[in-house]
Structure formats: C-alpha cells, structure tokens
Amino acid sequence: DIVQVIRTGCFGFCEKGPIVKMVPDNTFYVQVKPTDAEDIVREHLVK
C-alpha cells in the first residue's frame, strides 16, 4: 500500500546492470541479482 515496484526504461549504465533505484532517497543499486530482492526490501525499506 505504500511501496510501488515499477519497470522502467534503461538507466544508461548497462555495464553495471541490472540496476535498481530507490525513490525518493535516490539510492542506486547495481549488479542486482534476483536473490537480492529480499535484502533490498528488508534492509532498505523495513530497517
């Protein structure tokens, strides 16, 4: 209800992809793997 996950276009930094950007704090995660999703949500959003 408070967090939306959105597919975007290219961020222009392909060599460091996959890229995940957190808004509104503008955190830029690089070389993300599918297994990192839980850590991103738990650590960044919850903690």
ModelCIF file with pLDDT and N, C-alpha, C, O atoms, coordinates in Angstrom:
data_MODEL
#
_entry.id   MODEL 
#
_entity.id                         1 
_entity.type                       polymer 
_entity.pdbx_number_of_molecules   1 
#
_entity_poly.entity_id                      1 
_entity_poly.type                           'polypeptide(L)' 
_entity_poly.nstd_linkage                   no 
_entity_poly.nstd_monomer                   no 
_entity_poly.pdbx_seq_one_letter_code       DIVQVIRTGCFGFCEKGPIVKMVPDNTFYVQVKPTDAEDIVREHLVK 
_entity_poly.pdbx_seq_one_letter_code_can   DIVQVIRTGCFGFCEKGPIVKMVPDNTFYVQVKPTDAEDIVREHLVK 
_entity_poly.pdbx_strand_id                 A 
#
loop_
_entity_poly_seq.entity_id 
_entity_poly_seq.num 
_entity_poly_seq.mon_id 
_entity_poly_seq.hetero 
1 1  ASP n 
1 2  ILE n 
1 3  VAL n 
1 4  GLN n 
1 5  VAL n 
1 6  ILE n 
1 7  ARG n 
1 8  THR n 
1 9  GLY n 
1 10 CYS n 
1 11 PHE n 
1 12 GLY n 
1 13 PHE n 
1 14 CYS n 
1 15 GLU n 
1 16 LYS n 
1 17 GLY n 
1 18 PRO n 
1 19 ILE n 
1 20 VAL n 
1 21 LYS n 
1 22 MET n 
1 23 VAL n 
1 24 PRO n 
1 25 ASP n 
1 26 ASN n 
1 27 THR n 
1 28 PHE n 
1 29 TYR n 
1 30 VAL n 
1 31 GLN n 
1 32 VAL n 
1 33 LYS n 
1 34 PRO n 
1 35 THR n 
1 36 ASP n 
1 37 ALA n 
1 38 GLU n 
1 39 ASP n 
1 40 ILE n 
1 41 VAL n 
1 42 ARG n 
1 43 GLU n 
1 44 HIS n 
1 45 LEU n 
1 46 VAL n 
1 47 LYS n 
#
_struct_asym.id          A 
_struct_asym.entity_id   1 
#
loop_
_ma_qa_metric.id 
_ma_qa_metric.mode 
_ma_qa_metric.name 
_ma_qa_metric.software_group_id 
_ma_qa_metric.type 
1 global pLDDT . pLDDT 
2 local  pLDDT . pLDDT 
#
_ma_qa_metric_global.metric_id      1 
_ma_qa_metric_global.metric_value   95.04 
_ma_qa_metric_global.model_id       1 
_ma_qa_metric_global.ordinal_id     1 
#
loop_
_ma_qa_metric_local.label_asym_id 
_ma_qa_metric_local.label_comp_id 
_ma_qa_metric_local.label_seq_id 
_ma_qa_metric_local.metric_id 
_ma_qa_metric_local.metric_value 
_ma_qa_metric_local.model_id 
_ma_qa_metric_local.ordinal_id 
A ASP 1  2 95.00 1 1  
A ILE 2  2 96.00 1 2  
A VAL 3  2 97.00 1 3  
A GLN 4  2 97.00 1 4  
A VAL 5  2 98.00 1 5  
A ILE 6  2 97.00 1 6  
A ARG 7  2 97.00 1 7  
A THR 8  2 96.00 1 8  
A GLY 9  2 95.00 1 9  
A CYS 10 2 93.00 1 10 
A PHE 11 2 89.00 1 11 
A GLY 12 2 89.00 1 12 
A PHE 13 2 87.00 1 13 
A CYS 14 2 89.00 1 14 
A GLU 15 2 89.00 1 15 
A LYS 16 2 92.00 1 16 
A GLY 17 2 92.00 1 17 
A PRO 18 2 96.00 1 18 
A ILE 19 2 96.00 1 19 
A VAL 20 2 97.00 1 20 
A LYS 21 2 96.00 1 21 
A MET 22 2 96.00 1 22 
A VAL 23 2 95.00 1 23 
A PRO 24 2 94.00 1 24 
A ASP 25 2 91.00 1 25 
A ASN 26 2 91.00 1 26 
A THR 27 2 94.00 1 27 
A PHE 28 2 91.00 1 28 
A TYR 29 2 96.00 1 29 
A VAL 30 2 96.00 1 30 
A GLN 31 2 96.00 1 31 
A VAL 32 2 97.00 1 32 
A LYS 33 2 97.00 1 33 
A PRO 34 2 97.00 1 34 
A THR 35 2 97.00 1 35 
A ASP 36 2 98.00 1 36 
A ALA 37 2 98.00 1 37 
A GLU 38 2 97.00 1 38 
A ASP 39 2 97.00 1 39 
A ILE 40 2 98.00 1 40 
A VAL 41 2 98.00 1 41 
A ARG 42 2 97.00 1 42 
A GLU 43 2 97.00 1 43 
A HIS 44 2 97.00 1 44 
A LEU 45 2 97.00 1 45 
A VAL 46 2 96.00 1 46 
A LYS 47 2 96.00 1 47 
#
loop_
_atom_site.group_PDB 
_atom_site.id 
_atom_site.type_symbol 
_atom_site.label_atom_id 
_atom_site.label_alt_id 
_atom_site.label_comp_id 
_atom_site.label_asym_id 
_atom_site.label_entity_id 
_atom_site.label_seq_id 
_atom_site.pdbx_PDB_ins_code 
_atom_site.Cartn_x 
_atom_site.Cartn_y 
_atom_site.Cartn_z 
_atom_site.occupancy 
_atom_site.B_iso_or_equiv 
_atom_site.pdbx_formal_charge 
_atom_site.auth_seq_id 
_atom_site.auth_comp_id 
_atom_site.auth_asym_id 
_atom_site.auth_atom_id 
_atom_site.pdbx_PDB_model_num 
ATOM 1   N N  . ASP A 1 1  ? 0.808  -1.224  0.000   1.00 95.00 ? 1  ASP A N  1 
ATOM 2   C CA . ASP A 1 1  ? 0.000  0.000   0.000   1.00 95.00 ? 1  ASP A CA 1 
ATOM 3   C C  . ASP A 1 1  ? 0.838  1.269   0.000   1.00 95.00 ? 1  ASP A C  1 
ATOM 4   O O  . ASP A 1 1  ? 0.332  2.350   -0.300  1.00 95.00 ? 1  ASP A O  1 
ATOM 5   N N  . ILE A 1 2  ? 2.127  1.140   0.338   1.00 96.00 ? 2  ILE A N  1 
ATOM 6   C CA . ILE A 1 2  ? 2.979  2.333   0.409   1.00 96.00 ? 2  ILE A CA 1 
ATOM 7   C C  . ILE A 1 2  ? 4.207  2.270   -0.498  1.00 96.00 ? 2  ILE A C  1 
ATOM 8   O O  . ILE A 1 2  ? 4.911  3.268   -0.658  1.00 96.00 ? 2  ILE A O  1 
ATOM 9   N N  . VAL A 1 3  ? 4.469  1.100   -1.094  1.00 97.00 ? 3  VAL A N  1 
ATOM 10  C CA . VAL A 1 3  ? 5.626  0.931   -1.970  1.00 97.00 ? 3  VAL A CA 1 
ATOM 11  C C  . VAL A 1 3  ? 5.158  0.363   -3.307  1.00 97.00 ? 3  VAL A C  1 
ATOM 12  O O  . VAL A 1 3  ? 4.428  -0.627  -3.351  1.00 97.00 ? 3  VAL A O  1 
ATOM 13  N N  . GLN A 1 4  ? 5.586  0.997   -4.388  1.00 97.00 ? 4  GLN A N  1 
ATOM 14  C CA . GLN A 1 4  ? 5.249  0.506   -5.720  1.00 97.00 ? 4  GLN A CA 1 
ATOM 15  C C  . GLN A 1 4  ? 6.530  0.097   -6.440  1.00 97.00 ? 4  GLN A C  1 
ATOM 16  O O  . GLN A 1 4  ? 7.518  0.832   -6.440  1.00 97.00 ? 4  GLN A O  1 
ATOM 17  N N  . VAL A 1 5  ? 6.500  -1.078  -7.050  1.00 98.00 ? 5  VAL A N  1 
ATOM 18  C CA . VAL A 1 5  ? 7.624  -1.582  -7.835  1.00 98.00 ? 5  VAL A CA 1 
ATOM 19  C C  . VAL A 1 5  ? 7.281  -1.350  -9.309  1.00 98.00 ? 5  VAL A C  1 
ATOM 20  O O  . VAL A 1 5  ? 6.221  -1.759  -9.783  1.00 98.00 ? 5  VAL A O  1 
ATOM 21  N N  . ILE A 1 6  ? 8.199  -0.685  -10.029 1.00 97.00 ? 6  ILE A N  1 
ATOM 22  C CA . ILE A 1 6  ? 7.930  -0.269  -11.398 1.00 97.00 ? 6  ILE A CA 1 
ATOM 23  C C  . ILE A 1 6  ? 9.082  -0.670  -12.320 1.00 97.00 ? 6  ILE A C  1 
ATOM 24  O O  . ILE A 1 6  ? 10.250 -0.493  -11.974 1.00 97.00 ? 6  ILE A O  1 
ATOM 25  N N  . ARG A 1 7  ? 8.750  -1.207  -13.485 1.00 97.00 ? 7  ARG A N  1 
ATOM 26  C CA . ARG A 1 7  ? 9.737  -1.439  -14.533 1.00 97.00 ? 7  ARG A CA 1 
ATOM 27  C C  . ARG A 1 7  ? 9.942  -0.118  -15.262 1.00 97.00 ? 7  ARG A C  1 
ATOM 28  O O  . ARG A 1 7  ? 8.972  0.557   -15.608 1.00 97.00 ? 7  ARG A O  1 
ATOM 29  N N  . THR A 1 8  ? 11.176 0.249   -15.494 1.00 96.00 ? 8  THR A N  1 
ATOM 30  C CA . THR A 1 8  ? 11.481 1.489   -16.208 1.00 96.00 ? 8  THR A CA 1 
ATOM 31  C C  . THR A 1 8  ? 12.224 1.172   -17.497 1.00 96.00 ? 8  THR A C  1 
ATOM 32  O O  . THR A 1 8  ? 12.466 0.012   -17.831 1.00 96.00 ? 8  THR A O  1 
ATOM 33  N N  . GLY A 1 9  ? 12.571 2.214   -18.196 1.00 95.00 ? 9  GLY A N  1 
ATOM 34  C CA . GLY A 1 9  ? 13.463 2.071   -19.335 1.00 95.00 ? 9  GLY A CA 1 
ATOM 35  C C  . GLY A 1 9  ? 14.899 1.998   -18.844 1.00 95.00 ? 9  GLY A C  1 
ATOM 36  O O  . GLY A 1 9  ? 15.157 1.935   -17.642 1.00 95.00 ? 9  GLY A O  1 
ATOM 37  N N  . CYS A 1 10 ? 15.807 2.007   -19.769 1.00 93.00 ? 10 CYS A N  1 
ATOM 38  C CA . CYS A 1 10 ? 17.231 1.904   -19.459 1.00 93.00 ? 10 CYS A CA 1 
ATOM 39  C C  . CYS A 1 10 ? 17.703 3.129   -18.672 1.00 93.00 ? 10 CYS A C  1 
ATOM 40  O O  . CYS A 1 10 ? 17.324 4.262   -18.967 1.00 93.00 ? 10 CYS A O  1 
ATOM 41  N N  . PHE A 1 11 ? 18.543 2.871   -17.662 1.00 89.00 ? 11 PHE A N  1 
ATOM 42  C CA . PHE A 1 11 ? 19.133 3.955   -16.875 1.00 89.00 ? 11 PHE A CA 1 
ATOM 43  C C  . PHE A 1 11 ? 20.408 4.487   -17.533 1.00 89.00 ? 11 PHE A C  1 
ATOM 44  O O  . PHE A 1 11 ? 20.929 5.519   -17.110 1.00 89.00 ? 11 PHE A O  1 
ATOM 45  N N  . GLY A 1 12 ? 20.914 3.810   -18.548 1.00 89.00 ? 12 GLY A N  1 
ATOM 46  C CA . GLY A 1 12 ? 22.095 4.282   -19.263 1.00 89.00 ? 12 GLY A CA 1 
ATOM 47  C C  . GLY A 1 12 ? 23.411 3.873   -18.635 1.00 89.00 ? 12 GLY A C  1 
ATOM 48  O O  . GLY A 1 12 ? 24.443 4.482   -18.915 1.00 89.00 ? 12 GLY A O  1 
ATOM 49  N N  . PHE A 1 13 ? 23.394 2.868   -17.803 1.00 87.00 ? 13 PHE A N  1 
ATOM 50  C CA . PHE A 1 13 ? 24.618 2.423   -17.126 1.00 87.00 ? 13 PHE A CA 1 
ATOM 51  C C  . PHE A 1 13 ? 24.676 0.899   -17.217 1.00 87.00 ? 13 PHE A C  1 
ATOM 52  O O  . PHE A 1 13 ? 24.824 0.198   -16.216 1.00 87.00 ? 13 PHE A O  1 
ATOM 53  N N  . CYS A 1 14 ? 24.555 0.414   -18.444 1.00 89.00 ? 14 CYS A N  1 
ATOM 54  C CA . CYS A 1 14 ? 24.354 -1.010  -18.713 1.00 89.00 ? 14 CYS A CA 1 
ATOM 55  C C  . CYS A 1 14 ? 25.448 -1.905  -18.147 1.00 89.00 ? 14 CYS A C  1 
ATOM 56  O O  . CYS A 1 14 ? 25.164 -3.027  -17.726 1.00 89.00 ? 14 CYS A O  1 
ATOM 57  N N  . GLU A 1 15 ? 26.679 -1.440  -18.129 1.00 89.00 ? 15 GLU A N  1 
ATOM 58  C CA . GLU A 1 15 ? 27.763 -2.301  -17.647 1.00 89.00 ? 15 GLU A CA 1 
ATOM 59  C C  . GLU A 1 15 ? 27.610 -2.650  -16.174 1.00 89.00 ? 15 GLU A C  1 
ATOM 60  O O  . GLU A 1 15 ? 28.245 -3.595  -15.705 1.00 89.00 ? 15 GLU A O  1 
ATOM 61  N N  . LYS A 1 16 ? 26.796 -1.925  -15.440 1.00 92.00 ? 16 LYS A N  1 
ATOM 62  C CA . LYS A 1 16 ? 26.587 -2.201  -14.019 1.00 92.00 ? 16 LYS A CA 1 
ATOM 63  C C  . LYS A 1 16 ? 25.207 -2.781  -13.748 1.00 92.00 ? 16 LYS A C  1 
ATOM 64  O O  . LYS A 1 16 ? 24.789 -2.869  -12.593 1.00 92.00 ? 16 LYS A O  1 
ATOM 65  N N  . GLY A 1 17 ? 24.500 -3.173  -14.787 1.00 92.00 ? 17 GLY A N  1 
ATOM 66  C CA . GLY A 1 17 ? 23.163 -3.712  -14.604 1.00 92.00 ? 17 GLY A CA 1 
ATOM 67  C C  . GLY A 1 17 ? 23.175 -5.147  -14.118 1.00 92.00 ? 17 GLY A C  1 
ATOM 68  O O  . GLY A 1 17 ? 24.206 -5.819  -14.123 1.00 92.00 ? 17 GLY A O  1 
ATOM 69  N N  . PRO A 1 18 ? 22.036 -5.586  -13.709 1.00 96.00 ? 18 PRO A N  1 
ATOM 70  C CA . PRO A 1 18 ? 20.765 -4.897  -13.560 1.00 96.00 ? 18 PRO A CA 1 
ATOM 71  C C  . PRO A 1 18 ? 20.801 -3.810  -12.478 1.00 96.00 ? 18 PRO A C  1 
ATOM 72  O O  . PRO A 1 18 ? 21.463 -3.944  -11.449 1.00 96.00 ? 18 PRO A O  1 
ATOM 73  N N  . ILE A 1 19 ? 20.077 -2.753  -12.750 1.00 96.00 ? 19 ILE A N  1 
ATOM 74  C CA . ILE A 1 19 ? 20.015 -1.579  -11.881 1.00 96.00 ? 19 ILE A CA 1 
ATOM 75  C C  . ILE A 1 19 ? 18.664 -1.528  -11.182 1.00 96.00 ? 19 ILE A C  1 
ATOM 76  O O  . ILE A 1 19 ? 17.620 -1.791  -11.779 1.00 96.00 ? 19 ILE A O  1 
ATOM 77  N N  . VAL A 1 20 ? 18.716 -1.178  -9.890  1.00 97.00 ? 20 VAL A N  1 
ATOM 78  C CA . VAL A 1 20 ? 17.500 -0.914  -9.109  1.00 97.00 ? 20 VAL A CA 1 
ATOM 79  C C  . VAL A 1 20 ? 17.716 0.427   -8.425  1.00 97.00 ? 20 VAL A C  1 
ATOM 80  O O  . VAL A 1 20 ? 18.719 0.637   -7.744  1.00 97.00 ? 20 VAL A O  1 
ATOM 81  N N  . LYS A 1 21 ? 16.768 1.324   -8.614  1.00 96.00 ? 21 LYS A N  1 
ATOM 82  C CA . LYS A 1 21 ? 16.850 2.653   -7.997  1.00 96.00 ? 21 LYS A CA 1 
ATOM 83  C C  . LYS A 1 21 ? 15.702 2.814   -7.018  1.00 96.00 ? 21 LYS A C  1 
ATOM 84  O O  . LYS A 1 21 ? 14.555 2.494   -7.329  1.00 96.00 ? 21 LYS A O  1 
ATOM 85  N N  . MET A 1 22 ? 16.023 3.313   -5.834  1.00 96.00 ? 22 MET A N  1 
ATOM 86  C CA . MET A 1 22 ? 15.037 3.551   -4.794  1.00 96.00 ? 22 MET A CA 1 
ATOM 87  C C  . MET A 1 22 ? 14.689 5.041   -4.765  1.00 96.00 ? 22 MET A C  1 
ATOM 88  O O  . MET A 1 22 ? 15.574 5.895   -4.742  1.00 96.00 ? 22 MET A O  1 
ATOM 89  N N  . VAL A 1 23 ? 13.409 5.332   -4.766  1.00 95.00 ? 23 VAL A N  1 
ATOM 90  C CA . VAL A 1 23 ? 12.911 6.700   -4.737  1.00 95.00 ? 23 VAL A CA 1 
ATOM 91  C C  . VAL A 1 23 ? 11.985 6.815   -3.533  1.00 95.00 ? 23 VAL A C  1 
ATOM 92  O O  . VAL A 1 23 ? 11.151 5.929   -3.352  1.00 95.00 ? 23 VAL A O  1 
ATOM 93  N N  . PRO A 1 24 ? 12.075 7.835   -2.709  1.00 94.00 ? 24 PRO A N  1 
ATOM 94  C CA . PRO A 1 24 ? 12.613 9.157   -3.014  1.00 94.00 ? 24 PRO A CA 1 
ATOM 95  C C  . PRO A 1 24 ? 14.060 9.405   -2.609  1.00 94.00 ? 24 PRO A C  1 
ATOM 96  O O  . PRO A 1 24 ? 14.575 10.488  -2.885  1.00 94.00 ? 24 PRO A O  1 
ATOM 97  N N  . ASP A 1 25 ? 14.744 8.456   -1.966  1.00 91.00 ? 25 ASP A N  1 
ATOM 98  C CA . ASP A 1 25 ? 16.081 8.781   -1.468  1.00 91.00 ? 25 ASP A CA 1 
ATOM 99  C C  . ASP A 1 25 ? 17.192 8.633   -2.504  1.00 91.00 ? 25 ASP A C  1 
ATOM 100 O O  . ASP A 1 25 ? 18.357 8.883   -2.194  1.00 91.00 ? 25 ASP A O  1 
ATOM 101 N N  . ASN A 1 26 ? 16.850 8.229   -3.736  1.00 91.00 ? 26 ASN A N  1 
ATOM 102 C CA . ASN A 1 26 ? 17.798 8.212   -4.844  1.00 91.00 ? 26 ASN A CA 1 
ATOM 103 C C  . ASN A 1 26 ? 18.944 7.224   -4.646  1.00 91.00 ? 26 ASN A C  1 
ATOM 104 O O  . ASN A 1 26 ? 20.049 7.456   -5.134  1.00 91.00 ? 26 ASN A O  1 
ATOM 105 N N  . THR A 1 27 ? 18.694 6.130   -3.939  1.00 94.00 ? 27 THR A N  1 
ATOM 106 C CA . THR A 1 27 ? 19.716 5.089   -3.793  1.00 94.00 ? 27 THR A CA 1 
ATOM 107 C C  . THR A 1 27 ? 19.774 4.294   -5.087  1.00 94.00 ? 27 THR A C  1 
ATOM 108 O O  . THR A 1 27 ? 18.745 3.957   -5.674  1.00 94.00 ? 27 THR A O  1 
ATOM 109 N N  . PHE A 1 28 ? 20.972 4.006   -5.515  1.00 91.00 ? 28 PHE A N  1 
ATOM 110 C CA . PHE A 1 28 ? 21.235 3.390   -6.810  1.00 91.00 ? 28 PHE A CA 1 
ATOM 111 C C  . PHE A 1 28 ? 21.958 2.070   -6.576  1.00 91.00 ? 28 PHE A C  1 
ATOM 112 O O  . PHE A 1 28 ? 23.140 2.064   -6.232  1.00 91.00 ? 28 PHE A O  1 
ATOM 113 N N  . TYR A 1 29 ? 21.258 0.950   -6.761  1.00 96.00 ? 29 TYR A N  1 
ATOM 114 C CA . TYR A 1 29 ? 21.851 -0.376  -6.577  1.00 96.00 ? 29 TYR A CA 1 
ATOM 115 C C  . TYR A 1 29 ? 22.270 -0.942  -7.930  1.00 96.00 ? 29 TYR A C  1 
ATOM 116 O O  . TYR A 1 29 ? 21.531 -0.840  -8.909  1.00 96.00 ? 29 TYR A O  1 
ATOM 117 N N  . VAL A 1 30 ? 23.454 -1.537  -7.978  1.00 96.00 ? 30 VAL A N  1 
ATOM 118 C CA . VAL A 1 30 ? 23.998 -2.059  -9.227  1.00 96.00 ? 30 VAL A CA 1 
ATOM 119 C C  . VAL A 1 30 ? 24.251 -3.563  -9.134  1.00 96.00 ? 30 VAL A C  1 
ATOM 120 O O  . VAL A 1 30 ? 24.391 -4.126  -8.048  1.00 96.00 ? 30 VAL A O  1 
ATOM 121 N N  . GLN A 1 31 ? 24.303 -4.189  -10.303 1.00 96.00 ? 31 GLN A N  1 
ATOM 122 C CA . GLN A 1 31 ? 24.578 -5.612  -10.438 1.00 96.00 ? 31 GLN A CA 1 
ATOM 123 C C  . GLN A 1 31 ? 23.705 -6.437  -9.491  1.00 96.00 ? 31 GLN A C  1 
ATOM 124 O O  . GLN A 1 31 ? 24.171 -7.355  -8.816  1.00 96.00 ? 31 GLN A O  1 
ATOM 125 N N  . VAL A 1 32 ? 22.440 -6.079  -9.469  1.00 97.00 ? 32 VAL A N  1 
ATOM 126 C CA . VAL A 1 32 ? 21.475 -6.738  -8.607  1.00 97.00 ? 32 VAL A CA 1 
ATOM 127 C C  . VAL A 1 32 ? 21.136 -8.108  -9.193  1.00 97.00 ? 32 VAL A C  1 
ATOM 128 O O  . VAL A 1 32 ? 21.034 -8.280  -10.408 1.00 97.00 ? 32 VAL A O  1 
ATOM 129 N N  . LYS A 1 33 ? 20.968 -9.063  -8.302  1.00 97.00 ? 33 LYS A N  1 
ATOM 130 C CA . LYS A 1 33 ? 20.567 -10.414 -8.693  1.00 97.00 ? 33 LYS A CA 1 
ATOM 131 C C  . LYS A 1 33 ? 19.159 -10.680 -8.145  1.00 97.00 ? 33 LYS A C  1 
ATOM 132 O O  . LYS A 1 33 ? 18.738 -10.025 -7.191  1.00 97.00 ? 33 LYS A O  1 
ATOM 133 N N  . PRO A 1 34 ? 18.443 -11.613 -8.725  1.00 97.00 ? 34 PRO A N  1 
ATOM 134 C CA . PRO A 1 34 ? 17.105 -11.926 -8.211  1.00 97.00 ? 34 PRO A CA 1 
ATOM 135 C C  . PRO A 1 34 ? 17.087 -12.252 -6.716  1.00 97.00 ? 34 PRO A C  1 
ATOM 136 O O  . PRO A 1 34 ? 16.122 -11.932 -6.021  1.00 97.00 ? 34 PRO A O  1 
ATOM 137 N N  . THR A 1 35 ? 18.137 -12.879 -6.231  1.00 97.00 ? 35 THR A N  1 
ATOM 138 C CA . THR A 1 35 ? 18.206 -13.237 -4.814  1.00 97.00 ? 35 THR A CA 1 
ATOM 139 C C  . THR A 1 35 ? 18.433 -12.033 -3.898  1.00 97.00 ? 35 THR A C  1 
ATOM 140 O O  . THR A 1 35 ? 18.314 -12.163 -2.679  1.00 97.00 ? 35 THR A O  1 
ATOM 141 N N  . ASP A 1 36 ? 18.757 -10.866 -4.461  1.00 98.00 ? 36 ASP A N  1 
ATOM 142 C CA . ASP A 1 36 ? 18.967 -9.652  -3.663  1.00 98.00 ? 36 ASP A CA 1 
ATOM 143 C C  . ASP A 1 36 ? 17.661 -8.953  -3.314  1.00 98.00 ? 36 ASP A C  1 
ATOM 144 O O  . ASP A 1 36 ? 17.656 -8.060  -2.467  1.00 98.00 ? 36 ASP A O  1 
ATOM 145 N N  . ALA A 1 37 ? 16.565 -9.332  -3.936  1.00 98.00 ? 37 ALA A N  1 
ATOM 146 C CA . ALA A 1 37 ? 15.293 -8.626  -3.744  1.00 98.00 ? 37 ALA A CA 1 
ATOM 147 C C  . ALA A 1 37 ? 14.867 -8.593  -2.281  1.00 98.00 ? 37 ALA A C  1 
ATOM 148 O O  . ALA A 1 37 ? 14.479 -7.541  -1.772  1.00 98.00 ? 37 ALA A O  1 
ATOM 149 N N  . GLU A 1 38 ? 14.933 -9.713  -1.614  1.00 97.00 ? 38 GLU A N  1 
ATOM 150 C CA . GLU A 1 38 ? 14.523 -9.762  -0.205  1.00 97.00 ? 38 GLU A CA 1 
ATOM 151 C C  . GLU A 1 38 ? 15.387 -8.840  0.642   1.00 97.00 ? 38 GLU A C  1 
ATOM 152 O O  . GLU A 1 38 ? 14.864 -8.126  1.498   1.00 97.00 ? 38 GLU A O  1 
ATOM 153 N N  . ASP A 1 39 ? 16.696 -8.837  0.422   1.00 97.00 ? 39 ASP A N  1 
ATOM 154 C CA . ASP A 1 39 ? 17.591 -7.954  1.180   1.00 97.00 ? 39 ASP A CA 1 
ATOM 155 C C  . ASP A 1 39 ? 17.251 -6.489  0.944   1.00 97.00 ? 39 ASP A C  1 
ATOM 156 O O  . ASP A 1 39 ? 17.247 -5.692  1.882   1.00 97.00 ? 39 ASP A O  1 
ATOM 157 N N  . ILE A 1 40 ? 16.966 -6.134  -0.300  1.00 98.00 ? 40 ILE A N  1 
ATOM 158 C CA . ILE A 1 40 ? 16.637 -4.744  -0.617  1.00 98.00 ? 40 ILE A CA 1 
ATOM 159 C C  . ILE A 1 40 ? 15.386 -4.310  0.138   1.00 98.00 ? 40 ILE A C  1 
ATOM 160 O O  . ILE A 1 40 ? 15.368 -3.238  0.744   1.00 98.00 ? 40 ILE A O  1 
ATOM 161 N N  . VAL A 1 41 ? 14.360 -5.118  0.106   1.00 98.00 ? 41 VAL A N  1 
ATOM 162 C CA . VAL A 1 41 ? 13.107 -4.751  0.783   1.00 98.00 ? 41 VAL A CA 1 
ATOM 163 C C  . VAL A 1 41 ? 13.293 -4.764  2.294   1.00 98.00 ? 41 VAL A C  1 
ATOM 164 O O  . VAL A 1 41 ? 12.926 -3.803  2.970   1.00 98.00 ? 41 VAL A O  1 
ATOM 165 N N  . ARG A 1 42 ? 13.854 -5.832  2.826   1.00 97.00 ? 42 ARG A N  1 
ATOM 166 C CA . ARG A 1 42 ? 14.003 -5.949  4.286   1.00 97.00 ? 42 ARG A CA 1 
ATOM 167 C C  . ARG A 1 42 ? 14.937 -4.868  4.849   1.00 97.00 ? 42 ARG A C  1 
ATOM 168 O O  . ARG A 1 42 ? 14.594 -4.174  5.806   1.00 97.00 ? 42 ARG A O  1 
ATOM 169 N N  . GLU A 1 43 ? 16.111 -4.739  4.246   1.00 97.00 ? 43 GLU A N  1 
ATOM 170 C CA . GLU A 1 43 ? 17.100 -3.807  4.794   1.00 97.00 ? 43 GLU A CA 1 
ATOM 171 C C  . GLU A 1 43 ? 16.747 -2.353  4.479   1.00 97.00 ? 43 GLU A C  1 
ATOM 172 O O  . GLU A 1 43 ? 16.725 -1.511  5.377   1.00 97.00 ? 43 GLU A O  1 
ATOM 173 N N  . HIS A 1 44 ? 16.476 -2.058  3.218   1.00 97.00 ? 44 HIS A N  1 
ATOM 174 C CA . HIS A 1 44 ? 16.267 -0.670  2.808   1.00 97.00 ? 44 HIS A CA 1 
ATOM 175 C C  . HIS A 1 44 ? 14.916 -0.125  3.269   1.00 97.00 ? 44 HIS A C  1 
ATOM 176 O O  . HIS A 1 44 ? 14.845 0.955   3.856   1.00 97.00 ? 44 HIS A O  1 
ATOM 177 N N  . LEU A 1 45 ? 13.863 -0.862  3.006   1.00 97.00 ? 45 LEU A N  1 
ATOM 178 C CA . LEU A 1 45 ? 12.526 -0.343  3.300   1.00 97.00 ? 45 LEU A CA 1 
ATOM 179 C C  . LEU A 1 45 ? 12.067 -0.613  4.724   1.00 97.00 ? 45 LEU A C  1 
ATOM 180 O O  . LEU A 1 45 ? 11.490 0.267   5.364   1.00 97.00 ? 45 LEU A O  1 
ATOM 181 N N  . VAL A 1 46 ? 12.313 -1.803  5.224   1.00 96.00 ? 46 VAL A N  1 
ATOM 182 C CA . VAL A 1 46 ? 11.832 -2.147  6.564   1.00 96.00 ? 46 VAL A CA 1 
ATOM 183 C C  . VAL A 1 46 ? 12.758 -1.585  7.644   1.00 96.00 ? 46 VAL A C  1 
ATOM 184 O O  . VAL A 1 46 ? 12.297 -0.963  8.601   1.00 96.00 ? 46 VAL A O  1 
ATOM 185 N N  . LYS A 1 47 ? 14.065 -1.807  7.488   1.00 96.00 ? 47 LYS A N  1 
ATOM 186 C CA . LYS A 1 47 ? 15.021 -1.401  8.523   1.00 96.00 ? 47 LYS A CA 1 
ATOM 187 C C  . LYS A 1 47 ? 15.654 -0.030  8.284   1.00 96.00 ? 47 LYS A C  1 
ATOM 188 O O  . LYS A 1 47 ? 16.473 0.419   9.086   1.00 96.00 ? 47 LYS A O  1 
#
